[in-house]
PDB file of N, CA and C in Angstrom:
ATOM      1  N   MET A   1      28.378   2.907   2.328  1.00  0.00           N
ATOM      2  CA  MET A   1      29.555   3.499   3.062  1.00  0.00           C
ATOM      3  C   MET A   1      30.413   3.984   1.958  1.00  0.00           C
ATOM      4  N   HIS A   2      30.947   5.270   2.151  1.00  0.00           N
ATOM      5  CA  HIS A   2      31.923   5.790   1.245  1.00  0.00           C
ATOM      6  C   HIS A   2      33.299   5.726   1.876  1.00  0.00           C
ATOM      7  N   TRP A   3      34.249   5.457   1.215  1.00  0.00           N
ATOM      8  CA  TRP A   3      35.594   5.370   1.758  1.00  0.00           C
ATOM      9  C   TRP A   3      36.437   6.471   1.063  1.00  0.00           C
ATOM     10  N   LEU A   4      37.142   7.237   1.890  1.00  0.00           N
ATOM     11  CA  LEU A   4      37.964   8.297   1.321  1.00  0.00           C
ATOM     12  C   LEU A   4      39.317   7.650   0.839  1.00  0.00           C
ATOM     13  N   PRO A   5      40.090   8.479   0.065  1.00  0.00           N
ATOM     14  CA  PRO A   5      41.339   7.964  -0.462  1.00  0.00           C
ATOM     15  C   PRO A   5      42.229   7.367   0.643  1.00  0.00           C
ATOM     16  N   GLY A   6      42.988   6.397   0.225  1.00  0.00           N
ATOM     17  CA  GLY A   6      43.799   5.774   1.216  1.00  0.00           C
ATOM     18  C   GLY A   6      43.282   4.450   1.727  1.00  0.00           C
ATOM     19  N   HIS A   7      42.064   4.172   1.418  1.00  0.00           N
ATOM     20  CA  HIS A   7      41.366   2.926   1.893  1.00  0.00           C
ATOM     21  C   HIS A   7      41.081   2.093   0.687  1.00  0.00           C
ATOM     22  N   LYS A   8      41.243   0.783   0.837  1.00  0.00           N
ATOM     23  CA  LYS A   8      41.111  -0.082  -0.349  1.00  0.00           C
ATOM     24  C   LYS A   8      39.666  -0.486  -0.661  1.00  0.00           C
ATOM     25  N   LYS A   9      38.862  -0.554   0.335  1.00  0.00           N
ATOM     26  CA  LYS A   9      37.454  -1.050   0.120  1.00  0.00           C
ATOM     27  C   LYS A   9      36.489   0.167  -0.103  1.00  0.00           C
ATOM     28  N   ARG A  10      35.425  -0.117  -0.904  1.00  0.00           N
ATOM     29  CA  ARG A  10      34.392   0.896  -1.038  1.00  0.00           C
ATOM     30  C   ARG A  10      33.066   0.207  -1.146  1.00  0.00           C
ATOM     31  N   VAL A  11      32.179   0.526  -0.286  1.00  0.00           N
ATOM     32  CA  VAL A  11      30.801   0.015  -0.303  1.00  0.00           C
ATOM     33  C   VAL A  11      29.915   1.182  -0.060  1.00  0.00           C
ATOM     34  N   THR A  12      28.811   1.254  -0.881  1.00  0.00           N
ATOM     35  CA  THR A  12      27.867   2.403  -0.830  1.00  0.00           C
ATOM     36  C   THR A  12      26.611   2.067  -0.155  1.00  0.00           C
ATOM     37  N   THR A  13      26.224   2.904   0.818  1.00  0.00           N
ATOM     38  CA  THR A  13      24.955   2.775   1.533  1.00  0.00           C
ATOM     39  C   THR A  13      24.305   4.133   1.663  1.00  0.00           C
ATOM     40  N   GLN A  14      23.067   4.265   1.344  1.00  0.00           N
ATOM     41  CA  GLN A  14      22.375   5.608   1.556  1.00  0.00           C
ATOM     42  C   GLN A  14      21.580   5.373   2.829  1.00  0.00           C
ATOM     43  N   LEU A  15      21.755   6.245   3.767  1.00  0.00           N
ATOM     44  CA  LEU A  15      21.007   6.183   5.008  1.00  0.00           C
ATOM     45  C   LEU A  15      19.783   7.005   4.997  1.00  0.00           C
ATOM     46  N   PRO A  16      18.823   6.780   5.880  1.00  0.00           N
ATOM     47  CA  PRO A  16      17.569   7.641   5.995  1.00  0.00           C
ATOM     48  C   PRO A  16      18.046   9.085   6.286  1.00  0.00           C
ATOM     49  N   GLY A  17      17.397  10.087   5.668  1.00  0.00           N
ATOM     50  CA  GLY A  17      17.818  11.454   5.840  1.00  0.00           C
ATOM     51  C   GLY A  17      19.006  11.825   4.897  1.00  0.00           C
ATOM     52  N   LYS A  18      19.272  11.000   3.988  1.00  0.00           N
ATOM     53  CA  LYS A  18      20.244  11.248   2.934  1.00  0.00           C
ATOM     54  C   LYS A  18      21.673  11.527   3.541  1.00  0.00           C
ATOM     55  N   GLN A  19      21.962  10.817   4.615  1.00  0.00           N
ATOM     56  CA  GLN A  19      23.278  10.921   5.142  1.00  0.00           C
ATOM     57  C   GLN A  19      24.213   9.816   4.615  1.00  0.00           C
ATOM     58  N   ASN A  20      25.409  10.032   4.446  1.00  0.00           N
ATOM     59  CA  ASN A  20      26.338   9.008   3.971  1.00  0.00           C
ATOM     60  C   ASN A  20      27.359   8.797   5.057  1.00  0.00           C
ATOM     61  N   LEU A  21      27.937   7.618   5.008  1.00  0.00           N
ATOM     62  CA  LEU A  21      29.038   7.323   5.857  1.00  0.00           C
ATOM     63  C   LEU A  21      30.350   7.431   5.167  1.00  0.00           C
ATOM     64  N   ILE A  22      31.307   8.038   5.803  1.00  0.00           N
ATOM     65  CA  ILE A  22      32.627   8.147   5.188  1.00  0.00           C
ATOM     66  C   ILE A  22      33.602   7.525   6.093  1.00  0.00           C
ATOM     67  N   ARG A  23      34.442   6.585   5.581  1.00  0.00           N
ATOM     68  CA  ARG A  23      35.512   6.020   6.440  1.00  0.00           C
ATOM     69  C   ARG A  23      36.671   6.887   6.410  1.00  0.00           C
ATOM     70  N   MET A  24      37.141   7.337   7.481  1.00  0.00           N
ATOM     71  CA  MET A  24      38.295   8.248   7.523  1.00  0.00           C
ATOM     72  C   MET A  24      39.077   7.844   8.721  1.00  0.00           C
ATOM     73  N   HIS A  25      40.393   7.662   8.490  1.00  0.00           N
ATOM     74  CA  HIS A  25      41.375   7.313   9.533  1.00  0.00           C
ATOM     75  C   HIS A  25      40.875   6.199  10.360  1.00  0.00           C
ATOM     76  N   GLY A  26      40.309   5.187   9.749  1.00  0.00           N
ATOM     77  CA  GLY A  26      39.874   3.972  10.498  1.00  0.00           C
ATOM     78  C   GLY A  26      38.554   4.156  11.258  1.00  0.00           C
ATOM     79  N   GLU A  27      37.868   5.294  11.067  1.00  0.00           N
ATOM     80  CA  GLU A  27      36.589   5.521  11.733  1.00  0.00           C
ATOM     81  C   GLU A  27      35.556   5.767  10.681  1.00  0.00           C
ATOM     82  N   CYS A  28      34.343   5.325  10.926  1.00  0.00           N
ATOM     83  CA  CYS A  28      33.170   5.665  10.090  1.00  0.00           C
ATOM     84  C   CYS A  28      32.470   6.854  10.776  1.00  0.00           C
ATOM     85  N   ILE A  29      32.248   7.826   9.878  1.00  0.00           N
ATOM     86  CA  ILE A  29      31.496   9.017  10.403  1.00  0.00           C
ATOM     87  C   ILE A  29      30.305   9.300   9.477  1.00  0.00           C
ATOM     88  N   LYS A  30      29.296   9.809   9.962  1.00  0.00           N
ATOM     89  CA  LYS A  30      28.124  10.234   9.232  1.00  0.00           C
ATOM     90  C   LYS A  30      28.434  11.607   8.717  1.00  0.00           C
ATOM     91  N   VAL A  31      28.128  11.843   7.457  1.00  0.00           N
ATOM     92  CA  VAL A  31      28.273  13.185   6.868  1.00  0.00           C
ATOM     93  C   VAL A  31      27.108  13.554   6.091  1.00  0.00           C
ATOM     94  N   LYS A  32      26.820  14.815   5.942  1.00  0.00           N
ATOM     95  CA  LYS A  32      25.680  15.287   5.089  1.00  0.00           C
ATOM     96  C   LYS A  32      26.180  15.383   3.649  1.00  0.00           C
ATOM     97  N   GLU A  33      25.212  15.480   2.769  1.00  0.00           N
ATOM     98  CA  GLU A  33      25.528  15.651   1.308  1.00  0.00           C
ATOM     99  C   GLU A  33      26.433  16.861   1.124  1.00  0.00           C
ATOM    100  N   GLU A  34      26.278  17.939   1.836  1.00  0.00           N
ATOM    101  CA  GLU A  34      27.066  19.118   1.727  1.00  0.00           C
ATOM    102  C   GLU A  34      28.539  18.853   1.928  1.00  0.00           C
ATOM    103  N   ASP A  35      28.854  17.834   2.812  1.00  0.00           N
ATOM    104  CA  ASP A  35      30.306  17.518   3.060  1.00  0.00           C
ATOM    105  C   ASP A  35      30.884  16.823   1.856  1.00  0.00           C
ATOM    106  N   ILE A  36      30.055  15.955   1.246  1.00  0.00           N
ATOM    107  CA  ILE A  36      30.508  15.245   0.054  1.00  0.00           C
ATOM    108  C   ILE A  36      30.715  16.189  -1.044  1.00  0.00           C
ATOM    109  N   ASP A  37      29.689  17.212  -1.185  1.00  0.00           N
ATOM    110  CA  ASP A  37      29.802  18.196  -2.216  1.00  0.00           C
ATOM    111  C   ASP A  37      31.126  19.091  -2.002  1.00  0.00           C
ATOM    112  N   TRP A  38      31.455  19.418  -0.806  1.00  0.00           N
ATOM    113  CA  TRP A  38      32.616  20.162  -0.483  1.00  0.00           C
ATOM    114  C   TRP A  38      33.848  19.412  -0.927  1.00  0.00           C
ATOM    115  N   HIS A  39      33.886  18.159  -0.540  1.00  0.00           N
ATOM    116  CA  HIS A  39      35.063  17.318  -0.965  1.00  0.00           C
ATOM    117  C   HIS A  39      35.181  17.203  -2.528  1.00  0.00           C
ATOM    118  N   ILE A  40      34.107  16.948  -3.159  1.00  0.00           N
ATOM    119  CA  ILE A  40      34.194  16.807  -4.668  1.00  0.00           C
ATOM    120  C   ILE A  40      34.467  18.168  -5.364  1.00  0.00           C
ATOM    121  N   TYR A  41      33.933  19.216  -4.825  1.00  0.00           N
ATOM    122  CA  TYR A  41      34.194  20.528  -5.405  1.00  0.00           C
ATOM    123  C   TYR A  41      35.707  20.874  -5.388  1.00  0.00           C
ATOM    124  N   HIS A  42      36.340  20.544  -4.228  1.00  0.00           N
ATOM    125  CA  HIS A  42      37.764  20.778  -4.108  1.00  0.00           C
ATOM    126  C   HIS A  42      38.613  19.893  -5.042  1.00  0.00           C
ATOM    127  N   VAL A  43      38.206  18.727  -5.259  1.00  0.00           N
ATOM    128  CA  VAL A  43      38.887  17.855  -6.285  1.00  0.00           C
ATOM    129  C   VAL A  43      38.748  18.477  -7.638  1.00  0.00           C
ATOM    130  N   ILE A  44      37.496  18.828  -8.003  1.00  0.00           N
ATOM    131  CA  ILE A  44      37.247  19.444  -9.315  1.00  0.00           C
ATOM    132  C   ILE A  44      38.095  20.712  -9.511  1.00  0.00           C
ATOM    133  N   ALA A  45      38.075  21.590  -8.506  1.00  0.00           N
ATOM    134  CA  ALA A  45      38.805  22.872  -8.581  1.00  0.00           C
ATOM    135  C   ALA A  45      40.294  22.696  -8.758  1.00  0.00           C
ATOM    136  N   ARG A  46      40.796  21.639  -8.201  1.00  0.00           N
ATOM    137  CA  ARG A  46      42.228  21.310  -8.257  1.00  0.00           C
ATOM    138  C   ARG A  46      42.608  20.767  -9.570  1.00  0.00           C
ATOM    139  N   LEU A  47      41.737  20.049 -10.244  1.00  0.00           N
ATOM    140  CA  LEU A  47      42.020  19.324 -11.425  1.00  0.00           C
ATOM    141  C   LEU A  47      41.576  19.944 -12.763  1.00  0.00           C
ATOM    142  N   SER A  48      41.116  21.076 -12.844  1.00  0.00           N
ATOM    143  CA  SER A  48      40.650  21.827 -14.019  1.00  0.00           C
ATOM    144  C   SER A  48      39.367  21.092 -14.505  1.00  0.00           C
ATOM    145  N   ALA A  49      39.367  20.505 -15.719  1.00  0.00           N
ATOM    146  CA  ALA A  49      38.276  19.846 -16.283  1.00  0.00           C
ATOM    147  C   ALA A  49      38.510  18.363 -16.097  1.00  0.00           C
ATOM    148  N   VAL A  50      37.675  17.696 -15.296  1.00  0.00           N
ATOM    149  CA  VAL A  50      37.918  16.262 -14.954  1.00  0.00           C
ATOM    150  C   VAL A  50      36.783  15.429 -15.363  1.00  0.00           C
ATOM    151  N   PRO A  51      37.046  14.308 -15.992  1.00  0.00           N
ATOM    152  CA  PRO A  51      35.978  13.362 -16.326  1.00  0.00           C
ATOM    153  C   PRO A  51      35.339  12.735 -15.057  1.00  0.00           C
ATOM    154  N   VAL A  52      34.012  12.471 -15.123  1.00  0.00           N
ATOM    155  CA  VAL A  52      33.364  11.960 -14.030  1.00  0.00           C
ATOM    156  C   VAL A  52      33.950  10.667 -13.528  1.00  0.00           C
ATOM    157  N   GLU A  53      34.403   9.858 -14.434  1.00  0.00           N
ATOM    158  CA  GLU A  53      35.047   8.564 -13.983  1.00  0.00           C
ATOM    159  C   GLU A  53      36.268   8.789 -13.166  1.00  0.00           C
ATOM    160  N   GLU A  54      37.079   9.844 -13.429  1.00  0.00           N
ATOM    161  CA  GLU A  54      38.257  10.174 -12.752  1.00  0.00           C
ATOM    162  C   GLU A  54      37.905  10.709 -11.376  1.00  0.00           C
ATOM    163  N   LEU A  55      36.752  11.434 -11.305  1.00  0.00           N
ATOM    164  CA  LEU A  55      36.297  11.886  -9.945  1.00  0.00           C
ATOM    165  C   LEU A  55      35.946  10.785  -9.065  1.00  0.00           C
ATOM    166  N   VAL A  56      35.280   9.761  -9.642  1.00  0.00           N
ATOM    167  CA  VAL A  56      34.889   8.570  -8.894  1.00  0.00           C
ATOM    168  C   VAL A  56      36.167   7.811  -8.378  1.00  0.00           C
ATOM    169  N   ALA A  57      37.187   7.729  -9.304  1.00  0.00           N
ATOM    170  CA  ALA A  57      38.416   7.064  -8.854  1.00  0.00           C
ATOM    171  C   ALA A  57      39.173   7.847  -7.821  1.00  0.00           C
ATOM    172  N   SER A  58      39.295   9.198  -8.038  1.00  0.00           N
ATOM    173  CA  SER A  58      40.092   9.980  -7.133  1.00  0.00           C
ATOM    174  C   SER A  58      39.453  10.180  -5.701  1.00  0.00           C
ATOM    175  N   THR A  59      38.101  10.173  -5.709  1.00  0.00           N
ATOM    176  CA  THR A  59      37.417  10.450  -4.381  1.00  0.00           C
ATOM    177  C   THR A  59      37.137   9.055  -3.755  1.00  0.00           C
ATOM    178  N   ARG A  60      37.141   8.032  -4.527  1.00  0.00           N
ATOM    179  CA  ARG A  60      36.699   6.706  -4.042  1.00  0.00           C
ATOM    180  C   ARG A  60      35.287   6.625  -3.512  1.00  0.00           C
ATOM    181  N   LEU A  61      34.461   7.544  -4.103  1.00  0.00           N
ATOM    182  CA  LEU A  61      33.047   7.559  -3.812  1.00  0.00           C
ATOM    183  C   LEU A  61      32.325   6.815  -4.908  1.00  0.00           C
ATOM    184  N   SER A  62      31.098   6.367  -4.657  1.00  0.00           N
ATOM    185  CA  SER A  62      30.350   5.657  -5.713  1.00  0.00           C
ATOM    186  C   SER A  62      29.955   6.586  -6.816  1.00  0.00           C
ATOM    187  N   LEU A  63      29.678   6.059  -7.978  1.00  0.00           N
ATOM    188  CA  LEU A  63      29.205   6.819  -9.119  1.00  0.00           C
ATOM    189  C   LEU A  63      27.939   7.531  -8.753  1.00  0.00           C
ATOM    190  N   PRO A  64      26.904   6.915  -8.151  1.00  0.00           N
ATOM    191  CA  PRO A  64      25.710   7.601  -7.842  1.00  0.00           C
ATOM    192  C   PRO A  64      25.956   8.761  -6.857  1.00  0.00           C
ATOM    193  N   ALA A  65      26.820   8.605  -5.890  1.00  0.00           N
ATOM    194  CA  ALA A  65      27.159   9.682  -4.916  1.00  0.00           C
ATOM    195  C   ALA A  65      27.829  10.869  -5.674  1.00  0.00           C
ATOM    196  N   VAL A  66      28.759  10.604  -6.621  1.00  0.00           N
ATOM    197  CA  VAL A  66      29.478  11.619  -7.339  1.00  0.00           C
ATOM    198  C   VAL A  66      28.534  12.392  -8.282  1.00  0.00           C
ATOM    199  N   THR A  67      27.708  11.562  -8.945  1.00  0.00           N
ATOM    200  CA  THR A  67      26.757  12.276  -9.941  1.00  0.00           C
ATOM    201  C   THR A  67      25.708  13.138  -9.277  1.00  0.00           C
ATOM    202  N   ALA A  68      25.270  12.659  -8.094  1.00  0.00           N
ATOM    203  CA  ALA A  68      24.288  13.413  -7.280  1.00  0.00           C
ATOM    204  C   ALA A  68      25.004  14.734  -6.807  1.00  0.00           C
ATOM    205  N   SER A  69      26.222  14.606  -6.377  1.00  0.00           N
ATOM    206  CA  SER A  69      26.941  15.792  -5.887  1.00  0.00           C
ATOM    207  C   SER A  69      27.179  16.738  -7.053  1.00  0.00           C
ATOM    208  N   ILE A  70      27.594  16.323  -8.184  1.00  0.00           N
ATOM    209  CA  ILE A  70      27.784  17.137  -9.350  1.00  0.00           C
ATOM    210  C   ILE A  70      26.506  17.901  -9.638  1.00  0.00           C
ATOM    211  N   ALA A  71      25.357  17.237  -9.692  1.00  0.00           N
ATOM    212  CA  ALA A  71      24.067  17.859  -9.896  1.00  0.00           C
ATOM    213  C   ALA A  71      23.764  18.961  -8.921  1.00  0.00           C
ATOM    214  N   ARG A  72      24.021  18.766  -7.629  1.00  0.00           N
ATOM    215  CA  ARG A  72      23.835  19.773  -6.654  1.00  0.00           C
ATOM    216  C   ARG A  72      24.808  20.953  -6.831  1.00  0.00           C
ATOM    217  N   LEU A  73      25.982  20.720  -7.187  1.00  0.00           N
ATOM    218  CA  LEU A  73      26.970  21.758  -7.461  1.00  0.00           C
ATOM    219  C   LEU A  73      26.613  22.581  -8.707  1.00  0.00           C
ATOM    220  N   GLU A  74      26.026  21.879  -9.704  1.00  0.00           N
ATOM    221  CA  GLU A  74      25.589  22.596 -10.895  1.00  0.00           C
ATOM    222  C   GLU A  74      24.398  23.507 -10.551  1.00  0.00           C
ATOM    223  N   ARG A  75      23.428  22.955  -9.787  1.00  0.00           N
ATOM    224  CA  ARG A  75      22.266  23.761  -9.346  1.00  0.00           C
ATOM    225  C   ARG A  75      22.782  24.995  -8.518  1.00  0.00           C
ATOM    226  N   SER A  76      23.826  24.833  -7.819  1.00  0.00           N
ATOM    227  CA  SER A  76      24.310  25.967  -7.087  1.00  0.00           C
ATOM    228  C   SER A  76      25.182  26.912  -7.880  1.00  0.00           C
ATOM    229  N   LEU A  77      25.419  26.594  -9.138  1.00  0.00           N
ATOM    230  CA  LEU A  77      26.171  27.381 -10.094  1.00  0.00           C
ATOM    231  C   LEU A  77      27.621  27.485  -9.650  1.00  0.00           C
ATOM    232  N   LEU A  78      28.169  26.367  -9.199  1.00  0.00           N
ATOM    233  CA  LEU A  78      29.553  26.317  -8.866  1.00  0.00           C
ATOM    234  C   LEU A  78      30.466  25.563  -9.865  1.00  0.00           C
ATOM    235  N   VAL A  79      29.739  24.659 -10.597  1.00  0.00           N
ATOM    236  CA  VAL A  79      30.507  23.905 -11.609  1.00  0.00           C
ATOM    237  C   VAL A  79      29.615  23.688 -12.843  1.00  0.00           C
ATOM    238  N   GLU A  80      30.229  23.327 -13.936  1.00  0.00           N
ATOM    239  CA  GLU A  80      29.483  22.961 -15.111  1.00  0.00           C
ATOM    240  C   GLU A  80      30.044  21.686 -15.707  1.00  0.00           C
ATOM    241  N   GLN A  81      29.174  20.918 -16.341  1.00  0.00           N
ATOM    242  CA  GLN A  81      29.521  19.662 -16.935  1.00  0.00           C
ATOM    243  C   GLN A  81      29.317  19.778 -18.451  1.00  0.00           C
ATOM    244  N   ASN A  82      30.292  19.388 -19.192  1.00  0.00           N
ATOM    245  CA  ASN A  82      30.293  19.451 -20.619  1.00  0.00           C
ATOM    246  C   ASN A  82      31.034  18.260 -21.224  1.00  0.00           C
ATOM    247  N   GLU A  83      30.417  17.552 -22.105  1.00  0.00           N
ATOM    248  CA  GLU A  83      31.095  16.442 -22.746  1.00  0.00           C
ATOM    249  C   GLU A  83      31.731  15.424 -21.799  1.00  0.00           C
ATOM    250  N   GLY A  84      31.072  15.146 -20.682  1.00  0.00           N
ATOM    251  CA  GLY A  84      31.561  14.174 -19.766  1.00  0.00           C
ATOM    252  C   GLY A  84      32.590  14.664 -18.808  1.00  0.00           C
ATOM    253  N   LYS A  85      32.985  15.935 -18.893  1.00  0.00           N
ATOM    254  CA  LYS A  85      33.978  16.522 -18.008  1.00  0.00           C
ATOM    255  C   LYS A  85      33.274  17.611 -17.155  1.00  0.00           C
ATOM    256  N   VAL A  86      33.786  17.698 -15.876  1.00  0.00           N
ATOM    257  CA  VAL A  86      33.252  18.726 -14.938  1.00  0.00           C
ATOM    258  C   VAL A  86      34.372  19.716 -14.691  1.00  0.00           C
ATOM    259  N   ARG A  87      34.054  21.066 -14.615  1.00  0.00           N
ATOM    260  CA  ARG A  87      35.018  22.024 -14.255  1.00  0.00           C
ATOM    261  C   ARG A  87      34.361  22.983 -13.309  1.00  0.00           C
ATOM    262  N   ALA A  88      35.200  23.552 -12.363  1.00  0.00           N
ATOM    263  CA  ALA A  88      34.730  24.575 -11.525  1.00  0.00           C
ATOM    264  C   ALA A  88      34.675  25.904 -12.232  1.00  0.00           C
ATOM    265  N   LEU A  89      33.552  26.643 -11.994  1.00  0.00           N
ATOM    266  CA  LEU A  89      33.402  27.957 -12.635  1.00  0.00           C
ATOM    267  C   LEU A  89      34.203  28.898 -11.814  1.00  0.00           C
ATOM    268  N   ASN A  90      34.849  29.901 -12.570  1.00  0.00           N
ATOM    269  CA  ASN A  90      35.558  30.927 -11.897  1.00  0.00           C
ATOM    270  C   ASN A  90      34.679  31.943 -11.171  1.00  0.00           C
ATOM    271  N   PHE A  91      35.200  32.763 -10.424  1.00  0.00           N
ATOM    272  CA  PHE A  91      34.351  33.758  -9.657  1.00  0.00           C
ATOM    273  C   PHE A  91      33.455  34.636 -10.573  1.00  0.00           C
ATOM    274  N   GLY A  92      33.997  35.083 -11.665  1.00  0.00           N
ATOM    275  CA  GLY A  92      33.308  35.884 -12.559  1.00  0.00           C
ATOM    276  C   GLY A  92      32.104  35.138 -13.193  1.00  0.00           C
ATOM    277  N   GLU A  93      32.337  33.901 -13.601  1.00  0.00           N
ATOM    278  CA  GLU A  93      31.262  32.977 -14.191  1.00  0.00           C
ATOM    279  C   GLU A  93      30.198  32.806 -13.119  1.00  0.00           C
ATOM    280  N   CYS A  94      30.542  32.458 -11.879  1.00  0.00           N
ATOM    281  CA  CYS A  94      29.606  32.312 -10.857  1.00  0.00           C
ATOM    282  C   CYS A  94      28.699  33.471 -10.589  1.00  0.00           C
ATOM    283  N   LEU A  95      29.431  34.626 -10.561  1.00  0.00           N
ATOM    284  CA  LEU A  95      28.656  35.899 -10.350  1.00  0.00           C
ATOM    285  C   LEU A  95      27.672  36.149 -11.411  1.00  0.00           C
ATOM    286  N   ILE A  96      28.075  36.092 -12.686  1.00  0.00           N
ATOM    287  CA  ILE A  96      27.181  36.384 -13.767  1.00  0.00           C
ATOM    288  C   ILE A  96      25.999  35.444 -13.836  1.00  0.00           C
ATOM    289  N   ARG A  97      26.367  34.179 -13.687  1.00  0.00           N
ATOM    290  CA  ARG A  97      25.267  33.163 -13.697  1.00  0.00           C
ATOM    291  C   ARG A  97      24.251  33.283 -12.669  1.00  0.00           C
ATOM    292  N   ASN A  98      24.711  33.658 -11.506  1.00  0.00           N
ATOM    293  CA  ASN A  98      23.764  33.896 -10.379  1.00  0.00           C
ATOM    294  C   ASN A  98      22.948  35.153 -10.628  1.00  0.00           C
ATOM    295  N   GLN A  99      23.554  36.149 -11.102  1.00  0.00           N
ATOM    296  CA  GLN A  99      22.834  37.420 -11.519  1.00  0.00           C
ATOM    297  C   GLN A  99      21.815  37.144 -12.500  1.00  0.00           C
ATOM    298  N   ILE A 100      22.112  36.398 -13.552  1.00  0.00           N
ATOM    299  CA  ILE A 100      21.159  36.060 -14.643  1.00  0.00           C
ATOM    300  C   ILE A 100      20.073  35.244 -14.072  1.00  0.00           C
ATOM    301  N   LYS A 101      20.404  34.298 -13.284  1.00  0.00           N
ATOM    302  CA  LYS A 101      19.335  33.385 -12.708  1.00  0.00           C
ATOM    303  C   LYS A 101      18.337  34.090 -11.794  1.00  0.00           C
ATOM    304  N   TYR A 102      18.831  34.990 -11.021  1.00  0.00           N
ATOM    305  CA  TYR A 102      17.978  35.587 -10.010  1.00  0.00           C
ATOM    306  C   TYR A 102      17.436  36.978 -10.264  1.00  0.00           C
ATOM    307  N   GLU A 103      18.048  37.675 -11.193  1.00  0.00           N
ATOM    308  CA  GLU A 103      17.584  39.094 -11.505  1.00  0.00           C
ATOM    309  C   GLU A 103      16.952  38.967 -12.871  1.00  0.00           C
ATOM    310  N   LYS A 104      15.647  38.891 -12.911  1.00  0.00           N
ATOM    311  CA  LYS A 104      14.846  38.691 -14.153  1.00  0.00           C
ATOM    312  C   LYS A 104      14.713  39.972 -15.012  1.00  0.00           C
ATOM    313  N   ASN A 105      15.115  41.137 -14.481  1.00  0.00           N
ATOM    314  CA  ASN A 105      14.870  42.379 -15.238  1.00  0.00           C
ATOM    315  C   ASN A 105      16.162  42.842 -15.921  1.00  0.00           C
ATOM    316  N   LEU A 106      17.120  41.907 -16.049  1.00  0.00           N
ATOM    317  CA  LEU A 106      18.369  42.332 -16.803  1.00  0.00           C
ATOM    318  C   LEU A 106      18.125  42.343 -18.269  1.00  0.00           C
ATOM    319  N   PRO A 107      18.924  43.179 -18.984  1.00  0.00           N
ATOM    320  CA  PRO A 107      18.726  43.195 -20.418  1.00  0.00           C
ATOM    321  C   PRO A 107      19.377  42.051 -21.172  1.00  0.00           C
ATOM    322  N   TYR A 108      19.836  41.073 -20.545  1.00  0.00           N
ATOM    323  CA  TYR A 108      20.463  39.882 -21.143  1.00  0.00           C
ATOM    324  C   TYR A 108      20.024  38.599 -20.394  1.00  0.00           C
ATOM    325  N   TYR A 109      20.215  37.470 -21.047  1.00  0.00           N
ATOM    326  CA  TYR A 109      19.927  36.191 -20.494  1.00  0.00           C
ATOM    327  C   TYR A 109      20.982  35.180 -20.977  1.00  0.00           C
ATOM    328  N   MET A 110      20.958  33.977 -20.388  1.00  0.00           N
ATOM    329  CA  MET A 110      22.007  33.006 -20.846  1.00  0.00           C
ATOM    330  C   MET A 110      21.219  31.810 -21.375  1.00  0.00           C
ATOM    331  N   GLU A 111      21.643  31.317 -22.592  1.00  0.00           N
ATOM    332  CA  GLU A 111      21.036  30.214 -23.237  1.00  0.00           C
ATOM    333  C   GLU A 111      22.184  29.274 -23.722  1.00  0.00           C
ATOM    334  N   ASN A 112      22.164  28.055 -23.187  1.00  0.00           N
ATOM    335  CA  ASN A 112      23.184  27.065 -23.550  1.00  0.00           C
ATOM    336  C   ASN A 112      24.659  27.661 -23.420  1.00  0.00           C
ATOM    337  N   GLY A 113      24.893  28.428 -22.297  1.00  0.00           N
ATOM    338  CA  GLY A 113      26.175  28.920 -22.045  1.00  0.00           C
ATOM    339  C   GLY A 113      26.508  30.189 -22.799  1.00  0.00           C
ATOM    340  N   VAL A 114      25.651  30.737 -23.584  1.00  0.00           N
ATOM    341  CA  VAL A 114      25.821  31.908 -24.342  1.00  0.00           C
ATOM    342  C   VAL A 114      24.959  33.058 -23.802  1.00  0.00           C
ATOM    343  N   ILE A 115      25.617  34.208 -23.544  1.00  0.00           N
ATOM    344  CA  ILE A 115      24.888  35.351 -23.037  1.00  0.00           C
ATOM    345  C   ILE A 115      24.258  36.083 -24.258  1.00  0.00           C
ATOM    346  N   LYS A 116      22.914  36.289 -24.194  1.00  0.00           N
ATOM    347  CA  LYS A 116      22.218  36.918 -25.324  1.00  0.00           C
ATOM    348  C   LYS A 116      21.426  38.141 -24.843  1.00  0.00           C
ATOM    349  N   GLU A 117      21.266  39.094 -25.747  1.00  0.00           N
ATOM    350  CA  GLU A 117      20.534  40.310 -25.421  1.00  0.00           C
ATOM    351  C   GLU A 117      18.971  39.976 -25.366  1.00  0.00           C
ATOM    352  N   ARG A 118      18.346  40.460 -24.367  1.00  0.00           N
ATOM    353  CA  ARG A 118      16.849  40.263 -24.189  1.00  0.00           C
ATOM    354  C   ARG A 118      16.241  41.371 -24.996  1.00  0.00           C
ATOM    355  N   ARG A 119      15.392  40.950 -25.946  1.00  0.00           N
ATOM    356  CA  ARG A 119      14.696  41.984 -26.801  1.00  0.00           C
ATOM    357  C   ARG A 119      13.280  42.128 -26.227  1.00  0.00           C
ATOM    358  N   GLN A 120      12.888  43.376 -26.243  1.00  0.00           N
ATOM    359  CA  GLN A 120      11.528  43.668 -25.654  1.00  0.00           C
ATOM    360  C   GLN A 120      10.595  44.255 -26.654  1.00  0.00           C
TER     361      GLN A 120
END
């Protein structure tokens, strides 16, 4: 069970179908991973570059739930993690990374965060 900010207890349970429980306003509600991702993304976007441990503390979610969410957000090209800190990518970064990932005939590619010319 994940508890949102304002609650003192935190217990983690993974349910079948990868649903999580979030305690909110005294009620437990089932949420999908996307809901947790949305919550974590907004915390990251608000805080610039944030250490993973600070995300765990500020969201009051478990470390496995936070790291799994960060991995999904990275695969979706919305955030990047570097030296233990996570930051939201700006619109231009998201756009170019998606273009590079999905358009294979571009004259450039990205390697370790650096855009390089594709030589033919």
